[in-house]
Amino acid sequence: MGLFEKEGWTNYAEAGSRFWEVYEDENSLGQSLEIGSFRSGDAASISWLISPKIDLQSLNNPRVAFRTSTSFADDSSLEALVSSDWDGQIQTIKSATWLPLLARIATKDDDAQIFVDSGDLNLNFYGNALYLAFKYVGSGKTAQDGTFELDDFRTFEK
């Protein structure tokens, strides 16, 4: 359906030509986001999707949750990362401190296009504000050209 563009979100291709896109089909939870390097021809694909800054000061016991699925994930990967020191500028993404968020993310071992829940993830340990990133790594090579889907991203209090 096209490139994902929403105010406050950063959709950035560090390497390669692929960006996060909006899609809809019978397996999605309505409109979802996807990233993949299938038939890209890129030697490497590194694509970031970064949330707007999340202010945690006014939240009591803040949490985040989301759902992911795969389509032929192969040896491509998707990880969820958190930064409390990124300044929101594309040129500083690589120099910011990004910590792994211990989330359940779909892998090649999961059934294709079946969404799995990340779990109810505690954000209390990351300071007063943070950015949440989804980082995809793949390539145009058959063994590393899988697709990942993301949906139902939400922050809330518990």
C-alpha atoms as a PDB file:
ATOM      1  CA  MET A   1       0.000   0.000   0.000  1.00  0.00           C
ATOM      2  CA  GLY A   2       3.001   2.269   0.335  1.00  0.00           C
ATOM      3  CA  LEU A   3       5.708   3.770   2.478  1.00  0.00           C
ATOM      4  CA  PHE A   4       4.859   4.214   6.164  1.00  0.00           C
ATOM      5  CA  GLU A   5       4.894   7.913   6.956  1.00  0.00           C
ATOM      6  CA  LYS A   6       3.395   9.140  10.190  1.00  0.00           C
ATOM      7  CA  GLU A   7       4.294  12.274  12.103  1.00  0.00           C
ATOM      8  CA  GLY A   8       6.813  11.596  14.848  1.00  0.00           C
ATOM      9  CA  TRP A   9       7.888   8.201  13.507  1.00  0.00           C
ATOM     10  CA  THR A  10      11.279   7.679  11.834  1.00  0.00           C
ATOM     11  CA  ASN A  11      11.424   5.238   8.903  1.00  0.00           C
ATOM     12  CA  TYR A  12      15.087   4.968   7.932  1.00  0.00           C
ATOM     13  CA  ALA A  13      17.124   2.679   5.666  1.00  0.00           C
ATOM     14  CA  GLU A  14      20.650   2.572   7.070  1.00  0.00           C
ATOM     15  CA  ALA A  15      21.732   0.146   4.340  1.00  0.00           C
ATOM     16  CA  GLY A  16      19.902  -0.942   1.218  1.00  0.00           C
ATOM     17  CA  SER A  17      16.747   0.357  -0.383  1.00  0.00           C
ATOM     18  CA  ARG A  18      13.959  -1.036   1.793  1.00  0.00           C
ATOM     19  CA  PHE A  19      11.770   0.981   4.144  1.00  0.00           C
ATOM     20  CA  TRP A  20       8.873  -0.045   6.363  1.00  0.00           C
ATOM     21  CA  GLU A  21       5.614  -0.126   4.386  1.00  0.00           C
ATOM     22  CA  VAL A  22       1.911  -0.298   5.141  1.00  0.00           C
ATOM     23  CA  TYR A  23       0.131  -3.410   3.935  1.00  0.00           C
ATOM     24  CA  GLU A  24      -3.213  -5.105   4.314  1.00  0.00           C
ATOM     25  CA  ASP A  25      -4.238  -8.682   3.577  1.00  0.00           C
ATOM     26  CA  GLU A  26      -6.326 -11.452   5.090  1.00  0.00           C
ATOM     27  CA  ASN A  27      -3.529 -12.372   7.532  1.00  0.00           C
ATOM     28  CA  SER A  28      -2.924  -8.863   8.902  1.00  0.00           C
ATOM     29  CA  LEU A  29      -4.743  -7.355  11.850  1.00  0.00           C
ATOM     30  CA  GLY A  30      -6.216  -4.691   9.550  1.00  0.00           C
ATOM     31  CA  GLN A  31      -3.475  -2.443   8.269  1.00  0.00           C
ATOM     32  CA  SER A  32      -0.044  -3.550   9.445  1.00  0.00           C
ATOM     33  CA  LEU A  33       3.551  -2.603   8.736  1.00  0.00           C
ATOM     34  CA  GLU A  34       6.064  -4.810   6.988  1.00  0.00           C
ATOM     35  CA  ILE A  35       9.731  -4.874   6.114  1.00  0.00           C
ATOM     36  CA  GLY A  36      11.639  -7.336   3.973  1.00  0.00           C
ATOM     37  CA  SER A  37      14.459  -7.506   1.483  1.00  0.00           C
ATOM     38  CA  PHE A  38      13.014 -10.118  -0.912  1.00  0.00           C
ATOM     39  CA  ARG A  39      14.116  -9.320  -4.479  1.00  0.00           C
ATOM     40  CA  SER A  40      15.764  -6.084  -3.352  1.00  0.00           C
ATOM     41  CA  GLY A  41      19.113  -6.836  -4.977  1.00  0.00           C
ATOM     42  CA  ASP A  42      20.720  -5.141  -1.968  1.00  0.00           C
ATOM     43  CA  ALA A  43      23.966  -6.597  -0.615  1.00  0.00           C
ATOM     44  CA  ALA A  44      22.764  -5.565   2.848  1.00  0.00           C
ATOM     45  CA  SER A  45      19.514  -4.262   4.305  1.00  0.00           C
ATOM     46  CA  ILE A  46      19.306  -2.484   7.642  1.00  0.00           C
ATOM     47  CA  SER A  47      16.016  -0.701   8.190  1.00  0.00           C
ATOM     48  CA  TRP A  48      14.858   1.151  11.288  1.00  0.00           C
ATOM     49  CA  LEU A  49      11.374   2.079  12.440  1.00  0.00           C
ATOM     50  CA  ILE A  50      11.553   4.334  15.491  1.00  0.00           C
ATOM     51  CA  SER A  51       8.608   5.510  17.553  1.00  0.00           C
ATOM     52  CA  PRO A  52       7.996   9.087  18.572  1.00  0.00           C
ATOM     53  CA  LYS A  53       9.525   9.997  21.936  1.00  0.00           C
ATOM     54  CA  ILE A  54       7.564   8.279  24.704  1.00  0.00           C
ATOM     55  CA  ASP A  55       7.282  10.389  27.871  1.00  0.00           C
ATOM     56  CA  LEU A  56       7.228   8.061  30.868  1.00  0.00           C
ATOM     57  CA  GLN A  57       7.097  10.680  33.649  1.00  0.00           C
ATOM     58  CA  SER A  58       3.334  10.927  33.736  1.00  0.00           C
ATOM     59  CA  LEU A  59       2.724   7.182  33.440  1.00  0.00           C
ATOM     60  CA  ASN A  60       2.267   4.875  36.406  1.00  0.00           C
ATOM     61  CA  ASN A  61       4.085   1.592  35.728  1.00  0.00           C
ATOM     62  CA  PRO A  62       4.484   2.167  31.937  1.00  0.00           C
ATOM     63  CA  ARG A  63       4.324  -0.773  29.532  1.00  0.00           C
ATOM     64  CA  VAL A  64       4.615  -1.414  25.817  1.00  0.00           C
ATOM     65  CA  ALA A  65       3.333  -4.288  23.713  1.00  0.00           C
ATOM     66  CA  PHE A  66       3.120  -5.147  20.022  1.00  0.00           C
ATOM     67  CA  ARG A  67       2.671  -8.125  17.709  1.00  0.00           C
ATOM     68  CA  THR A  68       4.988  -9.491  15.026  1.00  0.00           C
ATOM     69  CA  SER A  69       4.825 -12.181  12.365  1.00  0.00           C
ATOM     70  CA  THR A  70       7.093 -13.440   9.615  1.00  0.00           C
ATOM     71  CA  SER A  71       6.922 -14.567   6.020  1.00  0.00           C
ATOM     72  CA  PHE A  72       9.887 -16.787   5.162  1.00  0.00           C
ATOM     73  CA  ALA A  73      12.127 -15.083   7.738  1.00  0.00           C
ATOM     74  CA  ASP A  74      15.145 -17.188   6.743  1.00  0.00           C
ATOM     75  CA  ASP A  75      18.227 -15.733   8.441  1.00  0.00           C
ATOM     76  CA  SER A  76      16.977 -12.146   8.380  1.00  0.00           C
ATOM     77  CA  SER A  77      16.271 -10.681  11.820  1.00  0.00           C
ATOM     78  CA  LEU A  78      14.102  -8.195  13.639  1.00  0.00           C
ATOM     79  CA  GLU A  79      14.881  -6.826  17.064  1.00  0.00           C
ATOM     80  CA  ALA A  80      13.225  -4.332  19.393  1.00  0.00           C
ATOM     81  CA  LEU A  81      15.534  -1.734  20.923  1.00  0.00           C
ATOM     82  CA  VAL A  82      15.155   1.119  23.408  1.00  0.00           C
ATOM     83  CA  SER A  83      17.121   4.385  23.643  1.00  0.00           C
ATOM     84  CA  SER A  84      16.880   7.114  26.226  1.00  0.00           C
ATOM     85  CA  ASP A  85      19.749   9.164  24.728  1.00  0.00           C
ATOM     86  CA  TRP A  86      18.834   9.387  21.032  1.00  0.00           C
ATOM     87  CA  ASP A  87      18.149  12.993  20.035  1.00  0.00           C
ATOM     88  CA  GLY A  88      15.604  12.214  17.304  1.00  0.00           C
ATOM     89  CA  GLN A  89      17.970  12.952  14.393  1.00  0.00           C
ATOM     90  CA  ILE A  90      18.622  10.385  11.650  1.00  0.00           C
ATOM     91  CA  GLN A  91      22.342  11.162  11.570  1.00  0.00           C
ATOM     92  CA  THR A  92      22.711  10.117  15.244  1.00  0.00           C
ATOM     93  CA  ILE A  93      20.823   6.804  15.143  1.00  0.00           C
ATOM     94  CA  LYS A  94      24.021   4.749  14.957  1.00  0.00           C
ATOM     95  CA  SER A  95      25.800   6.717  17.708  1.00  0.00           C
ATOM     96  CA  ALA A  96      22.912   6.534  20.215  1.00  0.00           C
ATOM     97  CA  THR A  97      22.814   3.827  22.869  1.00  0.00           C
ATOM     98  CA  TRP A  98      20.252   1.187  21.893  1.00  0.00           C
ATOM     99  CA  LEU A  99      19.449  -1.486  24.468  1.00  0.00           C
ATOM    100  CA  PRO A 100      17.636  -4.712  23.602  1.00  0.00           C
ATOM    101  CA  LEU A 101      14.020  -4.857  24.733  1.00  0.00           C
ATOM    102  CA  LEU A 102      13.371  -8.376  25.932  1.00  0.00           C
ATOM    103  CA  ALA A 103      10.327  -8.911  23.763  1.00  0.00           C
ATOM    104  CA  ARG A 104       8.963 -12.010  22.091  1.00  0.00           C
ATOM    105  CA  ILE A 105       9.480 -11.413  18.363  1.00  0.00           C
ATOM    106  CA  ALA A 106       8.387 -13.854  15.662  1.00  0.00           C
ATOM    107  CA  THR A 107      11.206 -15.908  14.122  1.00  0.00           C
ATOM    108  CA  LYS A 108      11.661 -18.326  11.250  1.00  0.00           C
ATOM    109  CA  ASP A 109      10.595 -21.077  13.670  1.00  0.00           C
ATOM    110  CA  ASP A 110       7.087 -19.595  13.995  1.00  0.00           C
ATOM    111  CA  ASP A 111       4.282 -20.289  11.557  1.00  0.00           C
ATOM    112  CA  ALA A 112       4.310 -17.787   8.689  1.00  0.00           C
ATOM    113  CA  GLN A 113       1.959 -14.828   8.986  1.00  0.00           C
ATOM    114  CA  ILE A 114       0.696 -15.817  12.444  1.00  0.00           C
ATOM    115  CA  PHE A 115       1.077 -12.842  14.771  1.00  0.00           C
ATOM    116  CA  VAL A 116       2.769 -13.466  18.129  1.00  0.00           C
ATOM    117  CA  ASP A 117       2.427 -11.137  21.098  1.00  0.00           C
ATOM    118  CA  SER A 118       5.561  -9.452  22.430  1.00  0.00           C
ATOM    119  CA  GLY A 119       4.459  -9.768  26.007  1.00  0.00           C
ATOM    120  CA  ASP A 120       3.657  -7.002  28.435  1.00  0.00           C
ATOM    121  CA  LEU A 121       7.008  -5.166  28.557  1.00  0.00           C
ATOM    122  CA  ASN A 122       7.986  -3.036  31.559  1.00  0.00           C
ATOM    123  CA  LEU A 123       9.493   0.378  30.693  1.00  0.00           C
ATOM    124  CA  ASN A 124      10.310   1.477  34.247  1.00  0.00           C
ATOM    125  CA  PHE A 125      14.033   0.830  33.801  1.00  0.00           C
ATOM    126  CA  TYR A 126      14.714   3.285  30.961  1.00  0.00           C
ATOM    127  CA  GLY A 127      14.481   6.746  32.519  1.00  0.00           C
ATOM    128  CA  ASN A 128      11.888   9.472  32.012  1.00  0.00           C
ATOM    129  CA  ALA A 129      11.585   9.255  28.230  1.00  0.00           C
ATOM    130  CA  LEU A 130      12.591   6.853  25.492  1.00  0.00           C
ATOM    131  CA  TYR A 131      12.363   5.880  21.858  1.00  0.00           C
ATOM    132  CA  LEU A 132      11.452   2.351  20.813  1.00  0.00           C
ATOM    133  CA  ALA A 133      13.027   1.051  17.609  1.00  0.00           C
ATOM    134  CA  PHE A 134      12.446  -1.959  15.403  1.00  0.00           C
ATOM    135  CA  LYS A 135      15.624  -2.834  13.522  1.00  0.00           C
ATOM    136  CA  TYR A 136      15.490  -5.207  10.548  1.00  0.00           C
ATOM    137  CA  VAL A 137      18.637  -6.824   9.130  1.00  0.00           C
ATOM    138  CA  GLY A 138      18.599  -8.797   5.895  1.00  0.00           C
ATOM    139  CA  SER A 139      19.874  -8.733   2.317  1.00  0.00           C
ATOM    140  CA  GLY A 140      18.791  -9.535  -1.197  1.00  0.00           C
ATOM    141  CA  LYS A 141      20.308 -13.009  -0.843  1.00  0.00           C
ATOM    142  CA  THR A 142      17.780 -15.840  -0.711  1.00  0.00           C
ATOM    143  CA  ALA A 143      18.973 -17.044   2.698  1.00  0.00           C
ATOM    144  CA  GLN A 144      18.487 -13.607   4.260  1.00  0.00           C
ATOM    145  CA  ASP A 145      15.556 -11.950   2.496  1.00  0.00           C
ATOM    146  CA  GLY A 146      12.638 -12.652   4.811  1.00  0.00           C
ATOM    147  CA  THR A 147       9.758 -10.363   5.660  1.00  0.00           C
ATOM    148  CA  PHE A 148       8.549  -9.299   9.095  1.00  0.00           C
ATOM    149  CA  GLU A 149       5.183  -7.772   9.956  1.00  0.00           C
ATOM    150  CA  LEU A 150       4.417  -5.460  12.895  1.00  0.00           C
ATOM    151  CA  ASP A 151       1.041  -4.526  14.304  1.00  0.00           C
ATOM    152  CA  ASP A 152      -0.873  -3.455  17.391  1.00  0.00           C
ATOM    153  CA  PHE A 153       1.891  -1.264  18.879  1.00  0.00           C
ATOM    154  CA  ARG A 154       0.661   0.235  22.120  1.00  0.00           C
ATOM    155  CA  THR A 155       1.936   1.924  25.281  1.00  0.00           C
ATOM    156  CA  PHE A 156      -0.153   1.810  28.434  1.00  0.00           C
ATOM    157  CA  GLU A 157      -0.140   1.828  32.243  1.00  0.00           C
ATOM    158  CA  LYS A 158      -0.513  -1.213  34.418  1.00  0.00           C
END
